[in-house]
C-alpha cells in the first residue's frame, strides 16, 4: 500500500532551504530515511526570499492533525540543537517535522512509515 494523495505544493524560504538541506545531507548516515525524505521535499519545493511569507518555516508554531486523530496538535518546528524533550518541539529530522516544512494551511501530505500510510494536515501556523 502506497500513499495515494498528490503531493501538496510547498513553499520554503531560501534560508530554511539551505540550512535544512545541509542537515539532511549530514544526517544521511544516522537517519537515511528522513534524510532522503527531506531532500525529496526540498527538491520539489518552490523557494522564496527569507522575508517573504512562506509555508511552515523553521521556528514557527504550527497546529496540525496526524492521521484520523480528532485532536489538533500544537508544536514548533525546530532544528536538532534544541534541548531534547522540550515540550512542543517538532524536530525537522523526524518524520513529522520533515512532513511539515513548507506546508500551507489545510494541506495534507501522506508518507509511508514502517509499512503504514500516515497523513498530516496543517490547520494553522505562523502566529
PDB file of N, CA and C in Angstrom:
ATOM      1  N   UNK A   1       0.845  -1.177   0.000  1.00  0.00           N
ATOM      2  CA  UNK A   1       0.000   0.000   0.000  1.00  0.00           C
ATOM      3  C   UNK A   1       0.889   1.240   0.000  1.00  0.00           C
ATOM      4  N   UNK A   2       0.672   2.129  -0.965  1.00  0.00           N
ATOM      5  CA  UNK A   2       1.490   3.320  -1.095  1.00  0.00           C
ATOM      6  C   UNK A   2       0.623   4.559  -0.948  1.00  0.00           C
ATOM      7  N   UNK A   3       1.233   5.691  -0.596  1.00  0.00           N
ATOM      8  CA  UNK A   3       0.460   6.924  -0.498  1.00  0.00           C
ATOM      9  C   UNK A   3      -0.320   7.190  -1.783  1.00  0.00           C
ATOM     10  N   UNK A   4      -1.524   7.728  -1.636  1.00  0.00           N
ATOM     11  CA  UNK A   4      -2.395   7.913  -2.792  1.00  0.00           C
ATOM     12  C   UNK A   4      -2.739   9.370  -3.077  1.00  0.00           C
ATOM     13  N   UNK A   5      -2.523  10.266  -2.139  1.00  0.00           N
ATOM     14  CA  UNK A   5      -2.817  11.675  -2.372  1.00  0.00           C
ATOM     15  C   UNK A   5      -1.709  12.310  -3.195  1.00  0.00           C
ATOM     16  N   UNK A   6      -2.048  13.279  -4.055  1.00  0.00           N
ATOM     17  CA  UNK A   6      -0.982  14.007  -4.758  1.00  0.00           C
ATOM     18  C   UNK A   6      -0.174  14.818  -3.739  1.00  0.00           C
ATOM     19  N   UNK A   7       1.091  15.017  -4.026  1.00  0.00           N
ATOM     20  CA  UNK A   7       1.921  15.808  -3.123  1.00  0.00           C
ATOM     21  C   UNK A   7       1.454  17.258  -3.133  1.00  0.00           C
ATOM     22  N   UNK A   8       1.305  17.874  -1.968  1.00  0.00           N
ATOM     23  CA  UNK A   8       0.870  19.278  -1.918  1.00  0.00           C
ATOM     24  C   UNK A   8       2.011  20.207  -2.324  1.00  0.00           C
ATOM     25  N   UNK A   9       1.642  21.390  -2.789  1.00  0.00           N
ATOM     26  CA  UNK A   9       2.646  22.412  -3.074  1.00  0.00           C
ATOM     27  C   UNK A   9       3.274  22.844  -1.755  1.00  0.00           C
ATOM     28  N   UNK A  10       4.574  23.080  -1.782  1.00  0.00           N
ATOM     29  CA  UNK A  10       5.244  23.610  -0.596  1.00  0.00           C
ATOM     30  C   UNK A  10       6.106  24.795  -0.999  1.00  0.00           C
ATOM     31  N   UNK A  11       6.229  25.749  -0.075  1.00  0.00           N
ATOM     32  CA  UNK A  11       6.992  26.969  -0.298  1.00  0.00           C
ATOM     33  C   UNK A  11       7.926  27.150   0.882  1.00  0.00           C
ATOM     34  N   UNK A  12       9.231  27.216   0.598  1.00  0.00           N
ATOM     35  CA  UNK A  12      10.248  27.297   1.639  1.00  0.00           C
ATOM     36  C   UNK A  12      11.103  28.527   1.389  1.00  0.00           C
ATOM     37  N   UNK A  13      11.390  29.271   2.480  1.00  0.00           N
ATOM     38  CA  UNK A  13      12.273  30.423   2.290  1.00  0.00           C
ATOM     39  C   UNK A  13      13.705  29.928   2.093  1.00  0.00           C
ATOM     40  N   UNK A  14      14.504  30.727   1.407  1.00  0.00           N
ATOM     41  CA  UNK A  14      15.839  30.286   0.992  1.00  0.00           C
ATOM     42  C   UNK A  14      16.762  30.002   2.178  1.00  0.00           C
ATOM     43  N   UNK A  15      16.617  30.717   3.286  1.00  0.00           N
ATOM     44  CA  UNK A  15      17.444  30.430   4.466  1.00  0.00           C
ATOM     45  C   UNK A  15      17.137  29.046   5.015  1.00  0.00           C
ATOM     46  N   UNK A  16      15.851  28.732   5.207  1.00  0.00           N
ATOM     47  CA  UNK A  16      15.462  27.408   5.682  1.00  0.00           C
ATOM     48  C   UNK A  16      15.938  26.332   4.711  1.00  0.00           C
ATOM     49  N   UNK A  17      15.771  26.584   3.415  1.00  0.00           N
ATOM     50  CA  UNK A  17      16.178  25.603   2.409  1.00  0.00           C
ATOM     51  C   UNK A  17      17.652  25.231   2.577  1.00  0.00           C
ATOM     52  N   UNK A  18      18.507  26.222   2.643  1.00  0.00           N
ATOM     53  CA  UNK A  18      19.947  25.962   2.735  1.00  0.00           C
ATOM     54  C   UNK A  18      20.315  25.240   4.027  1.00  0.00           C
ATOM     55  N   UNK A  19      19.760  25.664   5.132  1.00  0.00           N
ATOM     56  CA  UNK A  19      20.085  25.039   6.421  1.00  0.00           C
ATOM     57  C   UNK A  19      19.550  23.614   6.517  1.00  0.00           C
ATOM     58  N   UNK A  20      18.318  23.406   6.081  1.00  0.00           N
ATOM     59  CA  UNK A  20      17.715  22.079   6.174  1.00  0.00           C
ATOM     60  C   UNK A  20      18.387  21.112   5.193  1.00  0.00           C
ATOM     61  N   UNK A  21      18.765  21.577   4.009  1.00  0.00           N
ATOM     62  CA  UNK A  21      19.474  20.718   3.066  1.00  0.00           C
ATOM     63  C   UNK A  21      20.796  20.246   3.666  1.00  0.00           C
ATOM     64  N   UNK A  22      21.523  21.141   4.304  1.00  0.00           N
ATOM     65  CA  UNK A  22      22.782  20.767   4.956  1.00  0.00           C
ATOM     66  C   UNK A  22      22.534  19.732   6.061  1.00  0.00           C
ATOM     67  N   UNK A  23      21.503  19.950   6.869  1.00  0.00           N
ATOM     68  CA  UNK A  23      21.151  18.976   7.916  1.00  0.00           C
ATOM     69  C   UNK A  23      20.811  17.610   7.315  1.00  0.00           C
ATOM     70  N   UNK A  24      20.025  17.613   6.252  1.00  0.00           N
ATOM     71  CA  UNK A  24      19.628  16.351   5.622  1.00  0.00           C
ATOM     72  C   UNK A  24      20.854  15.602   5.100  1.00  0.00           C
ATOM     73  N   UNK A  25      21.773  16.318   4.478  1.00  0.00           N
ATOM     74  CA  UNK A  25      22.984  15.676   3.973  1.00  0.00           C
ATOM     75  C   UNK A  25      23.822  15.105   5.115  1.00  0.00           C
ATOM     76  N   UNK A  26      23.949  15.835   6.203  1.00  0.00           N
ATOM     77  CA  UNK A  26      24.742  15.371   7.345  1.00  0.00           C
ATOM     78  C   UNK A  26      24.076  14.213   8.088  1.00  0.00           C
ATOM     79  N   UNK A  27      22.753  14.110   8.000  1.00  0.00           N
ATOM     80  CA  UNK A  27      22.023  13.077   8.736  1.00  0.00           C
ATOM     81  C   UNK A  27      21.913  11.762   7.969  1.00  0.00           C
ATOM     82  N   UNK A  28      22.438  11.714   6.751  1.00  0.00           N
ATOM     83  CA  UNK A  28      22.233  10.526   5.930  1.00  0.00           C
ATOM     84  C   UNK A  28      22.746   9.244   6.585  1.00  0.00           C
ATOM     85  N   UNK A  29      23.907   9.280   7.199  1.00  0.00           N
ATOM     86  CA  UNK A  29      24.469   8.062   7.791  1.00  0.00           C
ATOM     87  C   UNK A  29      23.676   7.587   9.005  1.00  0.00           C
ATOM     88  N   UNK A  30      23.131   8.507   9.792  1.00  0.00           N
ATOM     89  CA  UNK A  30      22.424   8.122  11.013  1.00  0.00           C
ATOM     90  C   UNK A  30      20.918   7.964  10.812  1.00  0.00           C
ATOM     91  N   UNK A  31      20.353   8.659   9.828  1.00  0.00           N
ATOM     92  CA  UNK A  31      18.914   8.628   9.619  1.00  0.00           C
ATOM     93  C   UNK A  31      18.610   8.704   8.119  1.00  0.00           C
ATOM     94  N   UNK A  32      18.942   7.662   7.359  1.00  0.00           N
ATOM     95  CA  UNK A  32      18.835   7.747   5.900  1.00  0.00           C
ATOM     96  C   UNK A  32      17.412   7.966   5.386  1.00  0.00           C
ATOM     97  N   UNK A  33      16.403   7.394   6.053  1.00  0.00           N
ATOM     98  CA  UNK A  33      15.034   7.556   5.564  1.00  0.00           C
ATOM     99  C   UNK A  33      14.596   9.026   5.631  1.00  0.00           C
ATOM    100  N   UNK A  34      14.767   9.648   6.801  1.00  0.00           N
ATOM    101  CA  UNK A  34      14.340  11.047   6.949  1.00  0.00           C
ATOM    102  C   UNK A  34      15.203  11.953   6.081  1.00  0.00           C
ATOM    103  N   UNK A  35      16.482  11.644   5.979  1.00  0.00           N
ATOM    104  CA  UNK A  35      17.377  12.427   5.135  1.00  0.00           C
ATOM    105  C   UNK A  35      16.891  12.425   3.681  1.00  0.00           C
ATOM    106  N   UNK A  36      16.580  11.251   3.161  1.00  0.00           N
ATOM    107  CA  UNK A  36      16.108  11.137   1.777  1.00  0.00           C
ATOM    108  C   UNK A  36      14.752  11.820   1.597  1.00  0.00           C
ATOM    109  N   UNK A  37      13.872  11.674   2.593  1.00  0.00           N
ATOM    110  CA  UNK A  37      12.552  12.310   2.531  1.00  0.00           C
ATOM    111  C   UNK A  37      12.697  13.835   2.495  1.00  0.00           C
ATOM    112  N   UNK A  38      13.547  14.382   3.372  1.00  0.00           N
ATOM    113  CA  UNK A  38      13.765  15.830   3.385  1.00  0.00           C
ATOM    114  C   UNK A  38      14.350  16.314   2.066  1.00  0.00           C
ATOM    115  N   UNK A  39      15.313  15.599   1.533  1.00  0.00           N
ATOM    116  CA  UNK A  39      15.913  16.010   0.260  1.00  0.00           C
ATOM    117  C   UNK A  39      14.878  15.992  -0.856  1.00  0.00           C
ATOM    118  N   UNK A  40      13.991  14.995  -0.862  1.00  0.00           N
ATOM    119  CA  UNK A  40      12.925  14.955  -1.865  1.00  0.00           C
ATOM    120  C   UNK A  40      12.016  16.171  -1.733  1.00  0.00           C
ATOM    121  N   UNK A  41      11.625  16.486  -0.487  1.00  0.00           N
ATOM    122  CA  UNK A  41      10.753  17.634  -0.258  1.00  0.00           C
ATOM    123  C   UNK A  41      11.431  18.934  -0.687  1.00  0.00           C
ATOM    124  N   UNK A  42      12.685  19.097  -0.354  1.00  0.00           N
ATOM    125  CA  UNK A  42      13.409  20.316  -0.721  1.00  0.00           C
ATOM    126  C   UNK A  42      13.556  20.437  -2.231  1.00  0.00           C
ATOM    127  N   UNK A  43      13.791  19.327  -2.913  1.00  0.00           N
ATOM    128  CA  UNK A  43      13.959  19.361  -4.373  1.00  0.00           C
ATOM    129  C   UNK A  43      12.683  19.745  -5.103  1.00  0.00           C
ATOM    130  N   UNK A  44      11.535  19.490  -4.519  1.00  0.00           N
ATOM    131  CA  UNK A  44      10.275  19.825  -5.197  1.00  0.00           C
ATOM    132  C   UNK A  44       9.680  21.146  -4.714  1.00  0.00           C
ATOM    133  N   UNK A  45      10.294  21.767  -3.717  1.00  0.00           N
ATOM    134  CA  UNK A  45       9.757  22.997  -3.131  1.00  0.00           C
ATOM    135  C   UNK A  45       9.984  24.209  -4.033  1.00  0.00           C
ATOM    136  N   UNK A  46       9.045  25.128  -3.953  1.00  0.00           N
ATOM    137  CA  UNK A  46       9.253  26.457  -4.522  1.00  0.00           C
ATOM    138  C   UNK A  46       9.981  27.277  -3.461  1.00  0.00           C
ATOM    139  N   UNK A  47      10.915  28.115  -3.885  1.00  0.00           N
ATOM    140  CA  UNK A  47      11.696  28.921  -2.942  1.00  0.00           C
ATOM    141  C   UNK A  47      11.255  30.377  -2.988  1.00  0.00           C
ATOM    142  N   UNK A  48      11.385  31.039  -1.837  1.00  0.00           N
ATOM    143  CA  UNK A  48      11.092  32.457  -1.764  1.00  0.00           C
ATOM    144  C   UNK A  48      12.184  33.130  -0.932  1.00  0.00           C
ATOM    145  N   UNK A  49      12.219  34.447  -0.964  1.00  0.00           N
ATOM    146  CA  UNK A  49      13.173  35.198  -0.144  1.00  0.00           C
ATOM    147  C   UNK A  49      12.838  35.005   1.327  1.00  0.00           C
ATOM    148  N   UNK A  50      13.846  35.127   2.210  1.00  0.00           N
ATOM    149  CA  UNK A  50      13.613  34.897   3.646  1.00  0.00           C
ATOM    150  C   UNK A  50      12.540  35.804   4.254  1.00  0.00           C
ATOM    151  N   UNK A  51      12.358  36.988   3.733  1.00  0.00           N
ATOM    152  CA  UNK A  51      11.389  37.923   4.323  1.00  0.00           C
ATOM    153  C   UNK A  51       9.995  37.782   3.705  1.00  0.00           C
ATOM    154  N   UNK A  52       9.839  36.978   2.659  1.00  0.00           N
ATOM    155  CA  UNK A  52       8.530  36.764   2.050  1.00  0.00           C
ATOM    156  C   UNK A  52       7.760  35.711   2.843  1.00  0.00           C
ATOM    157  N   UNK A  53       6.443  35.814   2.850  1.00  0.00           N
ATOM    158  CA  UNK A  53       5.659  34.767   3.515  1.00  0.00           C
ATOM    159  C   UNK A  53       5.885  33.427   2.816  1.00  0.00           C
ATOM    160  N   UNK A  54       6.046  32.398   3.597  1.00  0.00           N
ATOM    161  CA  UNK A  54       6.258  31.055   3.056  1.00  0.00           C
ATOM    162  C   UNK A  54       5.279  30.109   3.734  1.00  0.00           C
ATOM    163  N   UNK A  55       5.442  28.834   3.467  1.00  0.00           N
ATOM    164  CA  UNK A  55       4.690  27.825   4.195  1.00  0.00           C
ATOM    165  C   UNK A  55       5.286  27.711   5.591  1.00  0.00           C
ATOM    166  N   UNK A  56       5.031  26.610   6.260  1.00  0.00           N
ATOM    167  CA  UNK A  56       5.560  26.387   7.606  1.00  0.00           C
ATOM    168  C   UNK A  56       7.076  26.526   7.556  1.00  0.00           C
ATOM    169  N   UNK A  57       7.609  27.407   8.395  1.00  0.00           N
ATOM    170  CA  UNK A  57       9.045  27.698   8.428  1.00  0.00           C
ATOM    171  C   UNK A  57       9.651  27.230   9.741  1.00  0.00           C
ATOM    172  N   UNK A  58      10.954  27.115   9.749  1.00  0.00           N
ATOM    173  CA  UNK A  58      11.673  26.725  10.955  1.00  0.00           C
ATOM    174  C   UNK A  58      11.403  27.730  12.070  1.00  0.00           C
ATOM    175  N   UNK A  59      11.165  27.209  13.267  1.00  0.00           N
ATOM    176  CA  UNK A  59      10.915  28.053  14.432  1.00  0.00           C
ATOM    177  C   UNK A  59       9.467  28.486  14.590  1.00  0.00           C
ATOM    178  N   UNK A  60       8.631  28.239  13.603  1.00  0.00           N
ATOM    179  CA  UNK A  60       7.232  28.651  13.695  1.00  0.00           C
ATOM    180  C   UNK A  60       6.408  27.652  14.495  1.00  0.00           C
ATOM    181  N   UNK A  61       5.410  28.205  15.185  1.00  0.00           N
ATOM    182  CA  UNK A  61       4.414  27.340  15.813  1.00  0.00           C
ATOM    183  C   UNK A  61       3.449  26.886  14.733  1.00  0.00           C
ATOM    184  N   UNK A  62       2.980  25.658  14.878  1.00  0.00           N
ATOM    185  CA  UNK A  62       2.084  25.100  13.877  1.00  0.00           C
ATOM    186  C   UNK A  62       1.060  24.194  14.560  1.00  0.00           C
ATOM    187  N   UNK A  63      -0.173  24.282  14.101  1.00  0.00           N
ATOM    188  CA  UNK A  63      -1.236  23.376  14.549  1.00  0.00           C
ATOM    189  C   UNK A  63      -1.460  22.373  13.428  1.00  0.00           C
ATOM    190  N   UNK A  64      -1.461  21.079  13.786  1.00  0.00           N
ATOM    191  CA  UNK A  64      -1.606  20.049  12.772  1.00  0.00           C
ATOM    192  C   UNK A  64      -2.345  18.846  13.334  1.00  0.00           C
ATOM    193  N   UNK A  65      -2.831  18.023  12.424  1.00  0.00           N
ATOM    194  CA  UNK A  65      -3.542  16.802  12.798  1.00  0.00           C
ATOM    195  C   UNK A  65      -2.811  15.633  12.133  1.00  0.00           C
ATOM    196  N   UNK A  66      -2.582  14.574  12.906  1.00  0.00           N
ATOM    197  CA  UNK A  66      -1.971  13.355  12.375  1.00  0.00           C
ATOM    198  C   UNK A  66      -3.051  12.309  12.129  1.00  0.00           C
ATOM    199  N   UNK A  67      -2.950  11.660  10.995  1.00  0.00           N
ATOM    200  CA  UNK A  67      -3.848  10.571  10.629  1.00  0.00           C
ATOM    201  C   UNK A  67      -5.301  11.004  10.847  1.00  0.00           C
ATOM    202  N   UNK A  68      -6.103  10.170  11.455  1.00  0.00           N
ATOM    203  CA  UNK A  68      -7.513  10.497  11.688  1.00  0.00           C
ATOM    204  C   UNK A  68      -7.771  10.885  13.135  1.00  0.00           C
ATOM    205  N   UNK A  69      -6.717  11.307  13.838  1.00  0.00           N
ATOM    206  CA  UNK A  69      -6.886  11.679  15.244  1.00  0.00           C
ATOM    207  C   UNK A  69      -7.809  12.891  15.344  1.00  0.00           C
ATOM    208  N   UNK A  70      -8.723  12.887  16.297  1.00  0.00           N
ATOM    209  CA  UNK A  70      -9.639  14.017  16.419  1.00  0.00           C
ATOM    210  C   UNK A  70      -8.970  15.282  16.979  1.00  0.00           C
ATOM    211  N   UNK A  71      -7.956  15.114  17.817  1.00  0.00           N
ATOM    212  CA  UNK A  71      -7.337  16.289  18.429  1.00  0.00           C
ATOM    213  C   UNK A  71      -6.328  16.939  17.480  1.00  0.00           C
ATOM    214  N   UNK A  72      -6.197  18.240  17.640  1.00  0.00           N
ATOM    215  CA  UNK A  72      -5.210  19.016  16.900  1.00  0.00           C
ATOM    216  C   UNK A  72      -3.994  19.169  17.798  1.00  0.00           C
ATOM    217  N   UNK A  73      -2.819  18.993  17.225  1.00  0.00           N
ATOM    218  CA  UNK A  73      -1.576  19.134  17.981  1.00  0.00           C
ATOM    219  C   UNK A  73      -0.969  20.507  17.722  1.00  0.00           C
ATOM    220  N   UNK A  74      -0.223  20.993  18.704  1.00  0.00           N
ATOM    221  CA  UNK A  74       0.475  22.262  18.579  1.00  0.00           C
ATOM    222  C   UNK A  74       1.953  21.998  18.803  1.00  0.00           C
ATOM    223  N   UNK A  75       2.785  22.489  17.903  1.00  0.00           N
ATOM    224  CA  UNK A  75       4.219  22.299  18.041  1.00  0.00           C
ATOM    225  C   UNK A  75       4.983  23.431  17.395  1.00  0.00           C
ATOM    226  N   UNK A  76       6.301  23.393  17.567  1.00  0.00           N
ATOM    227  CA  UNK A  76       7.198  24.367  16.939  1.00  0.00           C
ATOM    228  C   UNK A  76       8.235  23.574  16.154  1.00  0.00           C
ATOM    229  N   UNK A  77       8.359  23.862  14.863  1.00  0.00           N
ATOM    230  CA  UNK A  77       9.324  23.180  14.013  1.00  0.00           C
ATOM    231  C   UNK A  77      10.727  23.641  14.393  1.00  0.00           C
ATOM    232  N   UNK A  78      11.574  22.691  14.834  1.00  0.00           N
ATOM    233  CA  UNK A  78      12.866  23.063  15.415  1.00  0.00           C
ATOM    234  C   UNK A  78      14.034  22.343  14.758  1.00  0.00           C
ATOM    235  N   UNK A  79      15.192  22.994  14.871  1.00  0.00           N
ATOM    236  CA  UNK A  79      16.460  22.385  14.484  1.00  0.00           C
ATOM    237  C   UNK A  79      16.884  21.413  15.581  1.00  0.00           C
ATOM    238  N   UNK A  80      17.774  20.477  15.259  1.00  0.00           N
ATOM    239  CA  UNK A  80      18.162  19.471  16.250  1.00  0.00           C
ATOM    240  C   UNK A  80      18.948  20.007  17.444  1.00  0.00           C
ATOM    241  N   UNK A  81      19.406  21.242  17.424  1.00  0.00           N
ATOM    242  CA  UNK A  81      20.181  21.773  18.559  1.00  0.00           C
ATOM    243  C   UNK A  81      19.296  22.248  19.710  1.00  0.00           C
ATOM    244  N   UNK A  82      17.982  22.133  19.576  1.00  0.00           N
ATOM    245  CA  UNK A  82      17.076  22.499  20.672  1.00  0.00           C
ATOM    246  C   UNK A  82      17.174  21.456  21.768  1.00  0.00           C
ATOM    247  N   UNK A  83      16.945  21.822  23.018  1.00  0.00           N
ATOM    248  CA  UNK A  83      17.034  20.848  24.111  1.00  0.00           C
ATOM    249  C   UNK A  83      16.094  19.667  23.894  1.00  0.00           C
ATOM    250  N   UNK A  84      16.620  18.459  24.086  1.00  0.00           N
ATOM    251  CA  UNK A  84      15.834  17.248  23.889  1.00  0.00           C
ATOM    252  C   UNK A  84      14.646  17.238  24.834  1.00  0.00           C
ATOM    253  N   UNK A  85      13.505  16.913  24.304  1.00  0.00           N
ATOM    254  CA  UNK A  85      12.312  16.758  25.123  1.00  0.00           C
ATOM    255  C   UNK A  85      11.618  18.061  25.494  1.00  0.00           C
ATOM    256  N   UNK A  86      12.121  19.192  24.991  1.00  0.00           N
ATOM    257  CA  UNK A  86      11.455  20.457  25.282  1.00  0.00           C
ATOM    258  C   UNK A  86      10.033  20.370  24.740  1.00  0.00           C
ATOM    259  N   UNK A  87       9.078  20.646  25.579  1.00  0.00           N
ATOM    260  CA  UNK A  87       7.666  20.457  25.235  1.00  0.00           C
ATOM    261  C   UNK A  87       7.288  21.240  23.974  1.00  0.00           C
ATOM    262  N   UNK A  88       6.645  20.538  23.068  1.00  0.00           N
ATOM    263  CA  UNK A  88       6.129  21.164  21.862  1.00  0.00           C
ATOM    264  C   UNK A  88       7.084  21.208  20.694  1.00  0.00           C
ATOM    265  N   UNK A  89       8.348  20.800  20.883  1.00  0.00           N
ATOM    266  CA  UNK A  89       9.276  20.795  19.759  1.00  0.00           C
ATOM    267  C   UNK A  89       8.929  19.680  18.784  1.00  0.00           C
ATOM    268  N   UNK A  90       8.975  20.010  17.500  1.00  0.00           N
ATOM    269  CA  UNK A  90       8.821  19.023  16.437  1.00  0.00           C
ATOM    270  C   UNK A  90      10.115  19.088  15.634  1.00  0.00           C
ATOM    271  N   UNK A  91      11.030  18.137  15.846  1.00  0.00           N
ATOM    272  CA  UNK A  91      12.337  18.214  15.188  1.00  0.00           C
ATOM    273  C   UNK A  91      12.257  17.995  13.680  1.00  0.00           C
ATOM    274  N   UNK A  92      12.969  18.817  12.936  1.00  0.00           N
ATOM    275  CA  UNK A  92      12.995  18.717  11.479  1.00  0.00           C
ATOM    276  C   UNK A  92      13.553  17.379  11.010  1.00  0.00           C
ATOM    277  N   UNK A  93      14.394  16.738  11.817  1.00  0.00           N
ATOM    278  CA  UNK A  93      14.974  15.448  11.428  1.00  0.00           C
ATOM    279  C   UNK A  93      14.125  14.257  11.872  1.00  0.00           C
ATOM    280  N   UNK A  94      12.864  14.495  12.141  1.00  0.00           N
ATOM    281  CA  UNK A  94      11.903  13.428  12.427  1.00  0.00           C
ATOM    282  C   UNK A  94      10.879  13.385  11.302  1.00  0.00           C
ATOM    283  N   UNK A  95      10.115  12.313  11.181  1.00  0.00           N
ATOM    284  CA  UNK A  95       9.165  12.205  10.075  1.00  0.00           C
ATOM    285  C   UNK A  95       8.079  13.282  10.079  1.00  0.00           C
ATOM    286  N   UNK A  96       7.606  13.685  11.238  1.00  0.00           N
ATOM    287  CA  UNK A  96       6.564  14.726  11.293  1.00  0.00           C
ATOM    288  C   UNK A  96       7.157  16.078  10.917  1.00  0.00           C
ATOM    289  N   UNK A  97       8.326  16.410  11.457  1.00  0.00           N
ATOM    290  CA  UNK A  97       8.983  17.670  11.100  1.00  0.00           C
ATOM    291  C   UNK A  97       9.297  17.749   9.620  1.00  0.00           C
ATOM    292  N   UNK A  98       9.792  16.653   9.069  1.00  0.00           N
ATOM    293  CA  UNK A  98      10.099  16.617   7.636  1.00  0.00           C
ATOM    294  C   UNK A  98       8.844  16.810   6.798  1.00  0.00           C
ATOM    295  N   UNK A  99       7.711  16.309   7.275  1.00  0.00           N
ATOM    296  CA  UNK A  99       6.450  16.473   6.547  1.00  0.00           C
ATOM    297  C   UNK A  99       5.915  17.899   6.657  1.00  0.00           C
ATOM    298  N   UNK A 100       6.206  18.602   7.747  1.00  0.00           N
ATOM    299  CA  UNK A 100       5.653  19.940   7.979  1.00  0.00           C
ATOM    300  C   UNK A 100       6.310  21.044   7.146  1.00  0.00           C
ATOM    301  N   UNK A 101       7.607  20.935   6.888  1.00  0.00           N
ATOM    302  CA  UNK A 101       8.335  22.048   6.284  1.00  0.00           C
ATOM    303  C   UNK A 101       7.701  22.472   4.955  1.00  0.00           C
ATOM    304  N   UNK A 102       7.376  23.767   4.857  1.00  0.00           N
ATOM    305  CA  UNK A 102       6.854  24.346   3.625  1.00  0.00           C
ATOM    306  C   UNK A 102       5.371  24.165   3.383  1.00  0.00           C
ATOM    307  N   UNK A 103       4.678  23.424   4.251  1.00  0.00           N
ATOM    308  CA  UNK A 103       3.249  23.155   4.041  1.00  0.00           C
ATOM    309  C   UNK A 103       2.410  24.415   4.286  1.00  0.00           C
ATOM    310  N   UNK A 104       1.218  24.431   3.712  1.00  0.00           N
ATOM    311  CA  UNK A 104       0.271  25.537   3.855  1.00  0.00           C
ATOM    312  C   UNK A 104      -0.955  25.093   4.641  1.00  0.00           C
ATOM    313  N   UNK A 105      -1.744  26.062   5.105  1.00  0.00           N
ATOM    314  CA  UNK A 105      -2.989  25.762   5.806  1.00  0.00           C
ATOM    315  C   UNK A 105      -3.869  24.840   4.967  1.00  0.00           C
ATOM    316  N   UNK A 106      -4.483  23.889   5.644  1.00  0.00           N
ATOM    317  CA  UNK A 106      -5.434  22.954   5.037  1.00  0.00           C
ATOM    318  C   UNK A 106      -4.824  22.050   3.972  1.00  0.00           C
ATOM    319  N   UNK A 107      -3.499  21.941   3.948  1.00  0.00           N
ATOM    320  CA  UNK A 107      -2.885  20.994   3.019  1.00  0.00           C
ATOM    321  C   UNK A 107      -2.553  19.706   3.767  1.00  0.00           C
ATOM    322  N   UNK A 108      -2.598  18.607   3.041  1.00  0.00           N
ATOM    323  CA  UNK A 108      -2.380  17.283   3.617  1.00  0.00           C
ATOM    324  C   UNK A 108      -1.297  16.566   2.826  1.00  0.00           C
ATOM    325  N   UNK A 109      -0.454  15.827   3.546  1.00  0.00           N
ATOM    326  CA  UNK A 109       0.589  15.030   2.907  1.00  0.00           C
ATOM    327  C   UNK A 109       0.554  13.628   3.498  1.00  0.00           C
ATOM    328  N   UNK A 110       0.903  12.663   2.672  1.00  0.00           N
ATOM    329  CA  UNK A 110       0.988  11.268   3.109  1.00  0.00           C
ATOM    330  C   UNK A 110       2.429  10.802   2.989  1.00  0.00           C
ATOM    331  N   UNK A 111       2.793   9.837   3.834  1.00  0.00           N
ATOM    332  CA  UNK A 111       4.082   9.172   3.706  1.00  0.00           C
ATOM    333  C   UNK A 111       3.970   7.777   4.284  1.00  0.00           C
ATOM    334  N   UNK A 112       4.882   6.921   3.877  1.00  0.00           N
ATOM    335  CA  UNK A 112       4.912   5.552   4.343  1.00  0.00           C
ATOM    336  C   UNK A 112       5.833   5.469   5.549  1.00  0.00           C
ATOM    337  N   UNK A 113       5.310   4.971   6.679  1.00  0.00           N
ATOM    338  CA  UNK A 113       6.073   4.867   7.922  1.00  0.00           C
ATOM    339  C   UNK A 113       5.943   3.448   8.458  1.00  0.00           C
ATOM    340  N   UNK A 114       7.014   2.670   8.332  1.00  0.00           N
ATOM    341  CA  UNK A 114       7.034   1.284   8.820  1.00  0.00           C
ATOM    342  C   UNK A 114       5.864   0.473   8.252  1.00  0.00           C
ATOM    343  N   UNK A 115       5.641   0.625   6.948  1.00  0.00           N
ATOM    344  CA  UNK A 115       4.605  -0.137   6.278  1.00  0.00           C
ATOM    345  C   UNK A 115       3.202   0.417   6.423  1.00  0.00           C
ATOM    346  N   UNK A 116       3.059   1.538   7.084  1.00  0.00           N
ATOM    347  CA  UNK A 116       1.741   2.139   7.329  1.00  0.00           C
ATOM    348  C   UNK A 116       1.681   3.522   6.689  1.00  0.00           C
ATOM    349  N   UNK A 117       0.591   3.825   6.009  1.00  0.00           N
ATOM    350  CA  UNK A 117       0.423   5.159   5.438  1.00  0.00           C
ATOM    351  C   UNK A 117       0.014   6.114   6.536  1.00  0.00           C
ATOM    352  N   UNK A 118       0.770   7.190   6.689  1.00  0.00           N
ATOM    353  CA  UNK A 118       0.468   8.239   7.665  1.00  0.00           C
ATOM    354  C   UNK A 118       0.054   9.488   6.905  1.00  0.00           C
ATOM    355  N   UNK A 119      -0.802  10.287   7.517  1.00  0.00           N
ATOM    356  CA  UNK A 119      -1.188  11.569   6.932  1.00  0.00           C
ATOM    357  C   UNK A 119      -0.981  12.673   7.954  1.00  0.00           C
ATOM    358  N   UNK A 120      -0.701  13.847   7.450  1.00  0.00           N
ATOM    359  CA  UNK A 120      -0.543  15.033   8.275  1.00  0.00           C
ATOM    360  C   UNK A 120      -1.267  16.165   7.569  1.00  0.00           C
ATOM    361  N   UNK A 121      -2.103  16.888   8.301  1.00  0.00           N
ATOM    362  CA  UNK A 121      -2.820  18.042   7.768  1.00  0.00           C
ATOM    363  C   UNK A 121      -2.477  19.260   8.602  1.00  0.00           C
ATOM    364  N   UNK A 122      -2.062  20.341   7.949  1.00  0.00           N
ATOM    365  CA  UNK A 122      -1.754  21.587   8.632  1.00  0.00           C
ATOM    366  C   UNK A 122      -3.056  22.351   8.836  1.00  0.00           C
ATOM    367  N   UNK A 123      -3.310  22.743  10.080  1.00  0.00           N
ATOM    368  CA  UNK A 123      -4.506  23.509  10.412  1.00  0.00           C
ATOM    369  C   UNK A 123      -4.206  25.003  10.380  1.00  0.00           C
ATOM    370  N   UNK A 124      -3.126  25.411  11.019  1.00  0.00           N
ATOM    371  CA  UNK A 124      -2.750  26.832  11.072  1.00  0.00           C
ATOM    372  C   UNK A 124      -1.278  26.923  11.476  1.00  0.00           C
ATOM    373  N   UNK A 125      -0.651  28.084  11.211  1.00  0.00           N
ATOM    374  CA  UNK A 125       0.752  28.277  11.576  1.00  0.00           C
ATOM    375  C   UNK A 125       1.119  29.755  11.524  1.00  0.00           C
ATOM    376  N   UNK A 126       2.266  30.059  12.109  1.00  0.00           N
ATOM    377  CA  UNK A 126       2.902  31.348  11.902  1.00  0.00           C
ATOM    378  C   UNK A 126       2.474  32.485  12.793  1.00  0.00           C
ATOM    379  N   UNK A 127       1.881  32.238  13.899  1.00  0.00           N
ATOM    380  CA  UNK A 127       1.483  33.342  14.785  1.00  0.00           C
ATOM    381  C   UNK A 127       2.413  33.458  15.947  1.00  0.00           C
TER     382      UNK A 127
END
